[in-house]
C-alpha atoms as a PDB file:
ATOM      1  CA  UNK A   1      90.464 139.247  71.085  1.00  0.00           C
ATOM      2  CA  UNK A   2      91.673 136.898  68.328  1.00  0.00           C
ATOM      3  CA  UNK A   3      92.112 133.520  69.111  1.00  0.00           C
ATOM      4  CA  UNK A   4      94.489 130.700  67.811  1.00  0.00           C
ATOM      5  CA  UNK A   5      94.397 127.026  67.587  1.00  0.00           C
ATOM      6  CA  UNK A   6      96.596 124.968  69.729  1.00  0.00           C
ATOM      7  CA  UNK A   7      98.278 122.449  67.466  1.00  0.00           C
ATOM      8  CA  UNK A   8      95.993 119.389  66.942  1.00  0.00           C
ATOM      9  CA  UNK A   9      94.614 119.750  70.545  1.00  0.00           C
ATOM     10  CA  UNK A  10      91.058 120.525  69.064  1.00  0.00           C
ATOM     11  CA  UNK A  11      90.848 123.772  71.274  1.00  0.00           C
ATOM     12  CA  UNK A  12      91.530 127.291  70.662  1.00  0.00           C
ATOM     13  CA  UNK A  13      93.129 129.896  73.251  1.00  0.00           C
ATOM     14  CA  UNK A  14      93.519 133.668  73.516  1.00  0.00           C
ATOM     15  CA  UNK A  15      97.196 134.494  72.250  1.00  0.00           C
ATOM     16  CA  UNK A  16      98.793 135.017  75.710  1.00  0.00           C
ATOM     17  CA  UNK A  17      99.063 132.233  78.473  1.00  0.00           C
ATOM     18  CA  UNK A  18      99.437 133.174  82.239  1.00  0.00           C
ATOM     19  CA  UNK A  19     102.468 131.800  83.757  1.00  0.00           C
ATOM     20  CA  UNK A  20     101.441 130.475  87.117  1.00  0.00           C
ATOM     21  CA  UNK A  21     104.899 130.122  88.668  1.00  0.00           C
ATOM     22  CA  UNK A  22     104.383 133.436  90.606  1.00  0.00           C
ATOM     23  CA  UNK A  23     101.379 131.903  92.734  1.00  0.00           C
ATOM     24  CA  UNK A  24     102.665 131.115  95.976  1.00  0.00           C
ATOM     25  CA  UNK A  25     105.913 132.554  95.407  1.00  0.00           C
ATOM     26  CA  UNK A  26     106.025 136.358  94.499  1.00  0.00           C
ATOM     27  CA  UNK A  27     102.219 136.548  94.838  1.00  0.00           C
ATOM     28  CA  UNK A  28     100.282 135.535  97.909  1.00  0.00           C
ATOM     29  CA  UNK A  29      96.653 133.844  97.570  1.00  0.00           C
ATOM     30  CA  UNK A  30      94.755 137.287  97.647  1.00  0.00           C
ATOM     31  CA  UNK A  31      96.949 139.019  95.064  1.00  0.00           C
ATOM     32  CA  UNK A  32      96.807 135.880  92.942  1.00  0.00           C
ATOM     33  CA  UNK A  33      93.091 135.794  92.964  1.00  0.00           C
ATOM     34  CA  UNK A  34      92.968 139.607  91.986  1.00  0.00           C
ATOM     35  CA  UNK A  35      95.481 139.045  89.005  1.00  0.00           C
ATOM     36  CA  UNK A  36      93.833 135.821  88.025  1.00  0.00           C
ATOM     37  CA  UNK A  37      90.333 137.619  88.024  1.00  0.00           C
ATOM     38  CA  UNK A  38      91.843 140.456  85.758  1.00  0.00           C
ATOM     39  CA  UNK A  39      93.414 138.114  83.458  1.00  0.00           C
ATOM     40  CA  UNK A  40      89.992 136.410  82.667  1.00  0.00           C
ATOM     41  CA  UNK A  41      88.192 139.803  82.440  1.00  0.00           C
ATOM     42  CA  UNK A  42      90.557 141.027  79.970  1.00  0.00           C
ATOM     43  CA  UNK A  43      89.494 138.124  77.501  1.00  0.00           C
ATOM     44  CA  UNK A  44      92.282 135.661  78.213  1.00  0.00           C
ATOM     45  CA  UNK A  45      91.675 131.977  79.038  1.00  0.00           C
ATOM     46  CA  UNK A  46      94.658 129.721  79.295  1.00  0.00           C
ATOM     47  CA  UNK A  47      96.842 129.200  82.588  1.00  0.00           C
ATOM     48  CA  UNK A  48     100.010 127.214  82.729  1.00  0.00           C
ATOM     49  CA  UNK A  49     101.609 125.865  85.923  1.00  0.00           C
ATOM     50  CA  UNK A  50     103.532 122.717  87.202  1.00  0.00           C
ATOM     51  CA  UNK A  51     103.400 120.277  89.964  1.00  0.00           C
ATOM     52  CA  UNK A  52     106.826 121.554  91.180  1.00  0.00           C
ATOM     53  CA  UNK A  53     105.920 125.292  91.251  1.00  0.00           C
ATOM     54  CA  UNK A  54     107.335 126.838  93.498  1.00  0.00           C
ATOM     55  CA  UNK A  55     109.593 124.336  95.409  1.00  0.00           C
ATOM     56  CA  UNK A  56     112.500 126.678  94.799  1.00  0.00           C
ATOM     57  CA  UNK A  57     111.325 129.244  97.303  1.00  0.00           C
ATOM     58  CA  UNK A  58     112.290 129.099 100.909  1.00  0.00           C
ATOM     59  CA  UNK A  59     109.894 127.263 102.792  1.00  0.00           C
ATOM     60  CA  UNK A  60     108.131 125.778 100.047  1.00  0.00           C
ATOM     61  CA  UNK A  61     107.637 122.102  99.097  1.00  0.00           C
ATOM     62  CA  UNK A  62     106.210 122.488  95.508  1.00  0.00           C
ATOM     63  CA  UNK A  63     102.544 122.300  94.622  1.00  0.00           C
ATOM     64  CA  UNK A  64     102.017 125.942  95.980  1.00  0.00           C
ATOM     65  CA  UNK A  65     100.957 127.199  92.565  1.00  0.00           C
ATOM     66  CA  UNK A  66      98.517 124.510  91.804  1.00  0.00           C
ATOM     67  CA  UNK A  67      97.051 124.729  95.092  1.00  0.00           C
ATOM     68  CA  UNK A  68      96.374 128.605  94.838  1.00  0.00           C
ATOM     69  CA  UNK A  69      94.615 127.760  91.393  1.00  0.00           C
ATOM     70  CA  UNK A  70      92.365 125.169  93.031  1.00  0.00           C
ATOM     71  CA  UNK A  71      91.158 127.504  95.700  1.00  0.00           C
ATOM     72  CA  UNK A  72      90.478 130.219  93.033  1.00  0.00           C
ATOM     73  CA  UNK A  73      88.455 127.778  91.051  1.00  0.00           C
ATOM     74  CA  UNK A  74      86.670 126.907  94.119  1.00  0.00           C
ATOM     75  CA  UNK A  75      85.930 130.414  95.043  1.00  0.00           C
ATOM     76  CA  UNK A  76      84.606 131.185  91.271  1.00  0.00           C
ATOM     77  CA  UNK A  77      81.729 128.565  90.557  1.00  0.00           C
ATOM     78  CA  UNK A  78      81.853 127.819  86.852  1.00  0.00           C
ATOM     79  CA  UNK A  79      85.497 129.392  86.124  1.00  0.00           C
ATOM     80  CA  UNK A  80      86.879 125.903  85.495  1.00  0.00           C
ATOM     81  CA  UNK A  81      84.953 125.510  82.616  1.00  0.00           C
ATOM     82  CA  UNK A  82      85.968 128.783  81.051  1.00  0.00           C
ATOM     83  CA  UNK A  83      89.678 128.168  81.484  1.00  0.00           C
ATOM     84  CA  UNK A  84      92.179 125.897  79.426  1.00  0.00           C
ATOM     85  CA  UNK A  85      94.276 124.583  82.198  1.00  0.00           C
ATOM     86  CA  UNK A  86      98.013 123.341  81.747  1.00  0.00           C
ATOM     87  CA  UNK A  87     100.178 121.622  84.248  1.00  0.00           C
ATOM     88  CA  UNK A  88     103.291 119.380  84.164  1.00  0.00           C
ATOM     89  CA  UNK A  89     105.099 116.461  85.450  1.00  0.00           C
ATOM     90  CA  UNK A  90     108.618 115.323  85.626  1.00  0.00           C
ATOM     91  CA  UNK A  91     110.589 117.812  87.979  1.00  0.00           C
ATOM     92  CA  UNK A  92     111.995 116.575  91.108  1.00  0.00           C
ATOM     93  CA  UNK A  93     109.313 116.751  93.854  1.00  0.00           C
ATOM     94  CA  UNK A  94     111.612 115.864  96.682  1.00  0.00           C
ATOM     95  CA  UNK A  95     110.421 112.214  97.699  1.00  0.00           C
ATOM     96  CA  UNK A  96     111.686 108.845  96.492  1.00  0.00           C
ATOM     97  CA  UNK A  97     110.621 108.204  92.927  1.00  0.00           C
ATOM     98  CA  UNK A  98     108.896 111.415  92.822  1.00  0.00           C
ATOM     99  CA  UNK A  99     110.463 112.924  89.455  1.00  0.00           C
ATOM    100  CA  UNK A 100     111.016 111.949  86.004  1.00  0.00           C
ATOM    101  CA  UNK A 101     108.635 110.546  83.252  1.00  0.00           C
ATOM    102  CA  UNK A 102     108.245 106.965  84.338  1.00  0.00           C
ATOM    103  CA  UNK A 103     104.806 105.556  84.272  1.00  0.00           C
ATOM    104  CA  UNK A 104     104.246 104.687  87.811  1.00  0.00           C
ATOM    105  CA  UNK A 105     105.213 108.185  88.757  1.00  0.00           C
ATOM    106  CA  UNK A 106     103.002 109.808  86.104  1.00  0.00           C
ATOM    107  CA  UNK A 107      99.995 107.929  87.337  1.00  0.00           C
ATOM    108  CA  UNK A 108     100.494 109.278  90.866  1.00  0.00           C
ATOM    109  CA  UNK A 109     101.497 112.919  89.904  1.00  0.00           C
ATOM    110  CA  UNK A 110      98.550 113.570  88.086  1.00  0.00           C
ATOM    111  CA  UNK A 111      96.082 112.504  90.856  1.00  0.00           C
ATOM    112  CA  UNK A 112      98.142 114.746  93.167  1.00  0.00           C
ATOM    113  CA  UNK A 113      97.917 117.531  90.764  1.00  0.00           C
ATOM    114  CA  UNK A 114      94.139 117.214  90.338  1.00  0.00           C
ATOM    115  CA  UNK A 115      93.682 116.991  93.985  1.00  0.00           C
ATOM    116  CA  UNK A 116      95.704 120.146  94.416  1.00  0.00           C
ATOM    117  CA  UNK A 117      93.811 122.124  91.321  1.00  0.00           C
ATOM    118  CA  UNK A 118      90.391 120.691  92.680  1.00  0.00           C
ATOM    119  CA  UNK A 119      89.399 119.299  89.341  1.00  0.00           C
ATOM    120  CA  UNK A 120      89.069 116.135  87.725  1.00  0.00           C
ATOM    121  CA  UNK A 121      90.997 116.729  84.474  1.00  0.00           C
ATOM    122  CA  UNK A 122      93.599 119.166  83.033  1.00  0.00           C
ATOM    123  CA  UNK A 123      93.221 120.350  79.601  1.00  0.00           C
ATOM    124  CA  UNK A 124      97.079 119.991  78.591  1.00  0.00           C
ATOM    125  CA  UNK A 125      99.698 117.792  80.422  1.00  0.00           C
ATOM    126  CA  UNK A 126     103.334 118.376  79.770  1.00  0.00           C
ATOM    127  CA  UNK A 127     106.416 116.227  80.284  1.00  0.00           C
ATOM    128  CA  UNK A 128     108.387 119.071  82.171  1.00  0.00           C
ATOM    129  CA  UNK A 129     111.956 117.798  81.315  1.00  0.00           C
ATOM    130  CA  UNK A 130     113.335 114.913  79.046  1.00  0.00           C
ATOM    131  CA  UNK A 131     114.076 111.630  81.053  1.00  0.00           C
ATOM    132  CA  UNK A 132     116.621 109.479  79.280  1.00  0.00           C
ATOM    133  CA  UNK A 133     115.838 106.899  81.971  1.00  0.00           C
ATOM    134  CA  UNK A 134     112.675 105.678  80.400  1.00  0.00           C
ATOM    135  CA  UNK A 135     111.510 105.080  76.848  1.00  0.00           C
ATOM    136  CA  UNK A 136     109.293 107.443  75.051  1.00  0.00           C
ATOM    137  CA  UNK A 137     106.798 104.381  74.730  1.00  0.00           C
ATOM    138  CA  UNK A 138     106.739 104.130  78.558  1.00  0.00           C
ATOM    139  CA  UNK A 139     105.828 107.873  78.978  1.00  0.00           C
ATOM    140  CA  UNK A 140     103.513 107.904  75.766  1.00  0.00           C
ATOM    141  CA  UNK A 141     101.831 104.763  77.228  1.00  0.00           C
ATOM    142  CA  UNK A 142     100.999 106.418  80.741  1.00  0.00           C
ATOM    143  CA  UNK A 143      99.589 109.312  78.966  1.00  0.00           C
ATOM    144  CA  UNK A 144      97.483 107.166  76.587  1.00  0.00           C
ATOM    145  CA  UNK A 145      95.818 105.646  79.993  1.00  0.00           C
ATOM    146  CA  UNK A 146      95.231 109.103  81.446  1.00  0.00           C
ATOM    147  CA  UNK A 147      93.641 110.256  78.130  1.00  0.00           C
ATOM    148  CA  UNK A 148      91.301 107.229  77.952  1.00  0.00           C
ATOM    149  CA  UNK A 149      90.493 107.988  81.831  1.00  0.00           C
ATOM    150  CA  UNK A 150      89.437 111.608  80.895  1.00  0.00           C
ATOM    151  CA  UNK A 151      92.111 112.929  83.620  1.00  0.00           C
ATOM    152  CA  UNK A 152      93.980 114.819  80.609  1.00  0.00           C
ATOM    153  CA  UNK A 153      92.792 116.248  77.353  1.00  0.00           C
ATOM    154  CA  UNK A 154      96.153 116.510  75.397  1.00  0.00           C
ATOM    155  CA  UNK A 155      99.741 116.089  75.902  1.00  0.00           C
ATOM    156  CA  UNK A 156     102.979 118.323  75.580  1.00  0.00           C
ATOM    157  CA  UNK A 157     106.621 118.462  75.847  1.00  0.00           C
ATOM    158  CA  UNK A 158     108.743 120.993  77.520  1.00  0.00           C
ATOM    159  CA  UNK A 159     112.421 121.640  76.920  1.00  0.00           C
ATOM    160  CA  UNK A 160     112.638 119.001  74.101  1.00  0.00           C
ATOM    161  CA  UNK A 161     114.676 119.493  71.227  1.00  0.00           C
ATOM    162  CA  UNK A 162     114.208 118.644  67.735  1.00  0.00           C
ATOM    163  CA  UNK A 163     115.719 115.435  67.703  1.00  0.00           C
ATOM    164  CA  UNK A 164     114.082 114.312  71.057  1.00  0.00           C
ATOM    165  CA  UNK A 165     110.532 115.549  69.872  1.00  0.00           C
ATOM    166  CA  UNK A 166     111.060 113.865  66.440  1.00  0.00           C
ATOM    167  CA  UNK A 167     111.896 110.496  68.240  1.00  0.00           C
ATOM    168  CA  UNK A 168     108.914 110.582  70.464  1.00  0.00           C
ATOM    169  CA  UNK A 169     106.577 111.521  67.361  1.00  0.00           C
ATOM    170  CA  UNK A 170     108.063 108.360  65.603  1.00  0.00           C
ATOM    171  CA  UNK A 171     107.487 106.358  68.739  1.00  0.00           C
ATOM    172  CA  UNK A 172     103.909 107.523  68.875  1.00  0.00           C
ATOM    173  CA  UNK A 173     103.506 106.702  65.381  1.00  0.00           C
ATOM    174  CA  UNK A 174     104.951 103.180  65.156  1.00  0.00           C
ATOM    175  CA  UNK A 175     103.363 101.918  68.467  1.00  0.00           C
ATOM    176  CA  UNK A 176      99.856 103.480  68.099  1.00  0.00           C
ATOM    177  CA  UNK A 177     100.548 105.782  70.911  1.00  0.00           C
ATOM    178  CA  UNK A 178      99.273 109.491  71.446  1.00  0.00           C
ATOM    179  CA  UNK A 179     101.595 112.164  69.834  1.00  0.00           C
ATOM    180  CA  UNK A 180     102.774 115.337  71.588  1.00  0.00           C
ATOM    181  CA  UNK A 181     100.761 118.165  70.496  1.00  0.00           C
ATOM    182  CA  UNK A 182     102.175 120.973  71.962  1.00  0.00           C
ATOM    183  CA  UNK A 183     105.788 121.954  72.734  1.00  0.00           C
ATOM    184  CA  UNK A 184     106.935 124.405  75.300  1.00  0.00           C
ATOM    185  CA  UNK A 185     110.456 125.904  74.678  1.00  0.00           C
ATOM    186  CA  UNK A 186     112.558 128.700  76.119  1.00  0.00           C
ATOM    187  CA  UNK A 187     111.935 131.467  73.405  1.00  0.00           C
ATOM    188  CA  UNK A 188     112.194 135.362  73.481  1.00  0.00           C
ATOM    189  CA  UNK A 189     113.873 138.277  71.491  1.00  0.00           C
ATOM    190  CA  UNK A 190     117.271 137.355  72.925  1.00  0.00           C
ATOM    191  CA  UNK A 191     117.001 133.621  73.572  1.00  0.00           C
ATOM    192  CA  UNK A 192     116.505 131.913  70.112  1.00  0.00           C
ATOM    193  CA  UNK A 193     118.583 129.073  69.980  1.00  0.00           C
ATOM    194  CA  UNK A 194     116.062 126.549  71.777  1.00  0.00           C
ATOM    195  CA  UNK A 195     113.588 127.080  69.098  1.00  0.00           C
ATOM    196  CA  UNK A 196     114.558 128.899  65.796  1.00  0.00           C
ATOM    197  CA  UNK A 197     115.505 126.299  63.392  1.00  0.00           C
ATOM    198  CA  UNK A 198     115.000 122.526  63.426  1.00  0.00           C
ATOM    199  CA  UNK A 199     112.537 122.649  66.303  1.00  0.00           C
ATOM    200  CA  UNK A 200     110.420 125.302  64.815  1.00  0.00           C
ATOM    201  CA  UNK A 201     110.634 123.670  61.469  1.00  0.00           C
ATOM    202  CA  UNK A 202     109.469 120.395  62.889  1.00  0.00           C
ATOM    203  CA  UNK A 203     106.584 121.914  64.877  1.00  0.00           C
ATOM    204  CA  UNK A 204     105.383 123.881  61.702  1.00  0.00           C
ATOM    205  CA  UNK A 205     105.498 120.669  59.541  1.00  0.00           C
ATOM    206  CA  UNK A 206     103.887 118.531  62.280  1.00  0.00           C
ATOM    207  CA  UNK A 207     101.372 121.109  63.411  1.00  0.00           C
ATOM    208  CA  UNK A 208     102.754 121.289  66.917  1.00  0.00           C
ATOM    209  CA  UNK A 209     101.206 124.032  69.067  1.00  0.00           C
ATOM    210  CA  UNK A 210     104.021 126.123  70.490  1.00  0.00           C
ATOM    211  CA  UNK A 211     103.599 128.102  73.970  1.00  0.00           C
ATOM    212  CA  UNK A 212     106.945 129.876  74.779  1.00  0.00           C
ATOM    213  CA  UNK A 213     108.247 130.256  78.300  1.00  0.00           C
ATOM    214  CA  UNK A 214     110.711 132.992  79.696  1.00  0.00           C
ATOM    215  CA  UNK A 215     108.786 135.177  77.008  1.00  0.00           C
ATOM    216  CA  UNK A 216     110.136 138.240  78.731  1.00  0.00           C
ATOM    217  CA  UNK A 217     113.641 136.972  79.399  1.00  0.00           C
ATOM    218  CA  UNK A 218     112.676 136.976  83.047  1.00  0.00           C
ATOM    219  CA  UNK A 219     111.803 140.466  83.011  1.00  0.00           C
ATOM    220  CA  UNK A 220     114.805 141.765  81.015  1.00  0.00           C
ATOM    221  CA  UNK A 221     112.564 142.783  78.076  1.00  0.00           C
ATOM    222  CA  UNK A 222     110.538 145.020  80.112  1.00  0.00           C
ATOM    223  CA  UNK A 223     113.546 147.457  80.030  1.00  0.00           C
ATOM    224  CA  UNK A 224     113.801 147.963  83.655  1.00  0.00           C
ATOM    225  CA  UNK A 225     117.168 146.235  84.145  1.00  0.00           C
ATOM    226  CA  UNK A 226     120.324 147.953  82.655  1.00  0.00           C
ATOM    227  CA  UNK A 227     122.725 147.340  85.336  1.00  0.00           C
ATOM    228  CA  UNK A 228     123.606 145.077  88.255  1.00  0.00           C
ATOM    229  CA  UNK A 229     122.546 147.690  90.648  1.00  0.00           C
ATOM    230  CA  UNK A 230     118.947 147.562  89.067  1.00  0.00           C
ATOM    231  CA  UNK A 231     118.947 144.095  90.310  1.00  0.00           C
ATOM    232  CA  UNK A 232     119.335 144.481  93.863  1.00  0.00           C
ATOM    233  CA  UNK A 233     116.772 143.098  95.921  1.00  0.00           C
ATOM    234  CA  UNK A 234     114.897 141.548  92.899  1.00  0.00           C
ATOM    235  CA  UNK A 235     113.718 137.735  93.321  1.00  0.00           C
ATOM    236  CA  UNK A 236     114.673 137.240  89.721  1.00  0.00           C
ATOM    237  CA  UNK A 237     118.121 139.275  89.763  1.00  0.00           C
ATOM    238  CA  UNK A 238     120.117 136.119  89.394  1.00  0.00           C
ATOM    239  CA  UNK A 239     118.191 135.077  86.267  1.00  0.00           C
ATOM    240  CA  UNK A 240     118.350 138.494  84.645  1.00  0.00           C
ATOM    241  CA  UNK A 241     121.973 139.112  85.197  1.00  0.00           C
ATOM    242  CA  UNK A 242     123.148 137.231  82.208  1.00  0.00           C
ATOM    243  CA  UNK A 243     121.343 139.474  79.857  1.00  0.00           C
ATOM    244  CA  UNK A 244     123.388 142.428  80.927  1.00  0.00           C
ATOM    245  CA  UNK A 245     125.634 142.111  77.618  1.00  0.00           C
ATOM    246  CA  UNK A 246     126.271 144.589  74.912  1.00  0.00           C
ATOM    247  CA  UNK A 247     123.866 142.472  72.880  1.00  0.00           C
ATOM    248  CA  UNK A 248     121.373 142.822  75.425  1.00  0.00           C
ATOM    249  CA  UNK A 249     121.745 146.550  75.740  1.00  0.00           C
ATOM    250  CA  UNK A 250     121.620 146.845  71.944  1.00  0.00           C
ATOM    251  CA  UNK A 251     118.432 144.919  71.861  1.00  0.00           C
ATOM    252  CA  UNK A 252     116.890 147.057  74.559  1.00  0.00           C
ATOM    253  CA  UNK A 253     117.598 150.076  72.713  1.00  0.00           C
ATOM    254  CA  UNK A 254     115.921 148.988  69.504  1.00  0.00           C
ATOM    255  CA  UNK A 255     113.116 147.404  71.701  1.00  0.00           C
ATOM    256  CA  UNK A 256     112.643 150.968  73.450  1.00  0.00           C
ATOM    257  CA  UNK A 257     112.698 152.790  70.175  1.00  0.00           C
ATOM    258  CA  UNK A 258     109.886 150.810  68.568  1.00  0.00           C
ATOM    259  CA  UNK A 259     107.884 151.050  71.923  1.00  0.00           C
ATOM    260  CA  UNK A 260     108.333 154.756  72.019  1.00  0.00           C
ATOM    261  CA  UNK A 261     107.165 155.034  68.166  1.00  0.00           C
ATOM    262  CA  UNK A 262     104.011 153.046  68.993  1.00  0.00           C
ATOM    263  CA  UNK A 263     103.240 154.615  72.368  1.00  0.00           C
ATOM    264  CA  UNK A 264     103.742 151.293  74.198  1.00  0.00           C
ATOM    265  CA  UNK A 265     105.738 149.696  76.775  1.00  0.00           C
ATOM    266  CA  UNK A 266     108.919 147.558  75.613  1.00  0.00           C
ATOM    267  CA  UNK A 267     107.225 144.349  77.259  1.00  0.00           C
ATOM    268  CA  UNK A 268     104.247 145.012  75.041  1.00  0.00           C
ATOM    269  CA  UNK A 269     106.157 144.976  71.936  1.00  0.00           C
ATOM    270  CA  UNK A 270     108.413 142.022  72.911  1.00  0.00           C
ATOM    271  CA  UNK A 271     105.180 139.910  73.589  1.00  0.00           C
ATOM    272  CA  UNK A 272     103.863 141.089  70.475  1.00  0.00           C
ATOM    273  CA  UNK A 273     106.671 140.130  68.482  1.00  0.00           C
ATOM    274  CA  UNK A 274     106.400 136.599  69.947  1.00  0.00           C
ATOM    275  CA  UNK A 275     102.671 136.569  69.017  1.00  0.00           C
ATOM    276  CA  UNK A 276     103.511 137.513  65.331  1.00  0.00           C
ATOM    277  CA  UNK A 277     106.793 135.016  65.192  1.00  0.00           C
ATOM    278  CA  UNK A 278     106.198 132.090  62.875  1.00  0.00           C
ATOM    279  CA  UNK A 279     105.510 128.969  64.548  1.00  0.00           C
ATOM    280  CA  UNK A 280     104.551 130.407  67.881  1.00  0.00           C
ATOM    281  CA  UNK A 281     101.071 129.693  68.951  1.00  0.00           C
ATOM    282  CA  UNK A 282     100.941 131.842  72.313  1.00  0.00           C
ATOM    283  CA  UNK A 283     103.769 133.183  74.831  1.00  0.00           C
ATOM    284  CA  UNK A 284     103.380 132.397  78.139  1.00  0.00           C
ATOM    285  CA  UNK A 285     103.879 135.464  80.619  1.00  0.00           C
ATOM    286  CA  UNK A 286     103.541 136.020  84.141  1.00  0.00           C
ATOM    287  CA  UNK A 287     102.266 139.361  85.993  1.00  0.00           C
ATOM    288  CA  UNK A 288     102.210 140.619  89.474  1.00  0.00           C
ATOM    289  CA  UNK A 289      99.984 143.624  88.891  1.00  0.00           C
ATOM    290  CA  UNK A 290      97.065 144.765  87.178  1.00  0.00           C
ATOM    291  CA  UNK A 291      98.932 147.042  85.094  1.00  0.00           C
ATOM    292  CA  UNK A 292     100.911 144.234  83.755  1.00  0.00           C
ATOM    293  CA  UNK A 293      97.818 142.132  82.692  1.00  0.00           C
ATOM    294  CA  UNK A 294      96.270 145.349  81.150  1.00  0.00           C
ATOM    295  CA  UNK A 295      99.840 145.292  79.048  1.00  0.00           C
ATOM    296  CA  UNK A 296      98.943 141.615  77.964  1.00  0.00           C
ATOM    297  CA  UNK A 297      95.814 143.081  76.573  1.00  0.00           C
ATOM    298  CA  UNK A 298      97.630 145.817  74.609  1.00  0.00           C
ATOM    299  CA  UNK A 299     100.241 143.478  73.419  1.00  0.00           C
ATOM    300  CA  UNK A 300      97.444 140.826  72.173  1.00  0.00           C
ATOM    301  CA  UNK A 301      95.924 143.653  70.006  1.00  0.00           C
ATOM    302  CA  UNK A 302      99.159 145.336  68.841  1.00  0.00           C
ATOM    303  CA  UNK A 303     100.123 145.119  65.166  1.00  0.00           C
ATOM    304  CA  UNK A 304     103.657 144.992  64.400  1.00  0.00           C
ATOM    305  CA  UNK A 305     104.669 146.081  60.630  1.00  0.00           C
ATOM    306  CA  UNK A 306     106.988 143.996  58.410  1.00  0.00           C
ATOM    307  CA  UNK A 307     109.757 146.559  59.222  1.00  0.00           C
ATOM    308  CA  UNK A 308     109.210 146.501  63.080  1.00  0.00           C
ATOM    309  CA  UNK A 309     109.299 142.763  63.137  1.00  0.00           C
ATOM    310  CA  UNK A 310     112.480 142.907  60.957  1.00  0.00           C
ATOM    311  CA  UNK A 311     114.286 145.529  63.395  1.00  0.00           C
ATOM    312  CA  UNK A 312     113.347 143.527  66.332  1.00  0.00           C
ATOM    313  CA  UNK A 313     114.266 140.190  65.042  1.00  0.00           C
ATOM    314  CA  UNK A 314     117.785 141.487  63.618  1.00  0.00           C
ATOM    315  CA  UNK A 315     118.243 143.403  66.853  1.00  0.00           C
ATOM    316  CA  UNK A 316     118.110 139.968  69.018  1.00  0.00           C
ATOM    317  CA  UNK A 317     119.767 137.803  66.557  1.00  0.00           C
END
């Protein structure tokens, strides 16, 4: 399987990152272990999670995903060394002061994440959301200490626009602080506005790695959902409903046509489009079955012609 350099982090990853938001939410621990094993067995090696996953689920307090991953590492001796592990800080964890990108909270949050993950470091640590209440210098200064302590290997930012990322890079350069090396935007065949344009141009010019989230538009690009009736009883139904538009249906028609011609599934083609998109290092995608992991492998090896890329790009524009 081909590998891609992730910005200036100094490491390479396989072209799909596993989205760990499902651990402790739509997957219990036993199923999570089975899916993770399959993901590694298929040649992939990067996993994305966050301290807040999956606080939104009834009965959860946050930290469930990291906890499942930590137990998996414990149950698989040597596995931690084979995986590039990403997690995040900044979302509201519920307690006083337990949110944002202030230095005090970052120093506490990383230790809690490391304890749940049962490791002494994460390879990539993301600012999960922008925090206007603190300066870039304070946040980057906190990360500088963690980098020097060996608790993190590289830093990234999620949900930053071009102006905010540029300001953070300028602060890093002027004050001798570490630069964000990876960005994590919402990006898929349907949702383009967060990345296409100034942010992509900045990432390309500054050699910023890009790992996209909602890469399958909450499952819409699998082609399984074409009406509100299809969403009944689905945990992600509320997230998918916004895609049930004329544009969404037209996009599915083209996606399914390309997939049919290639003997592939729509989700495989949608992921392959992202892998081949300018500026994208690797899409993040979740799976809840072995079959879906197998589709990841097919997507990673798929070749899309220039004409197929054009058709897909135009359909989702």
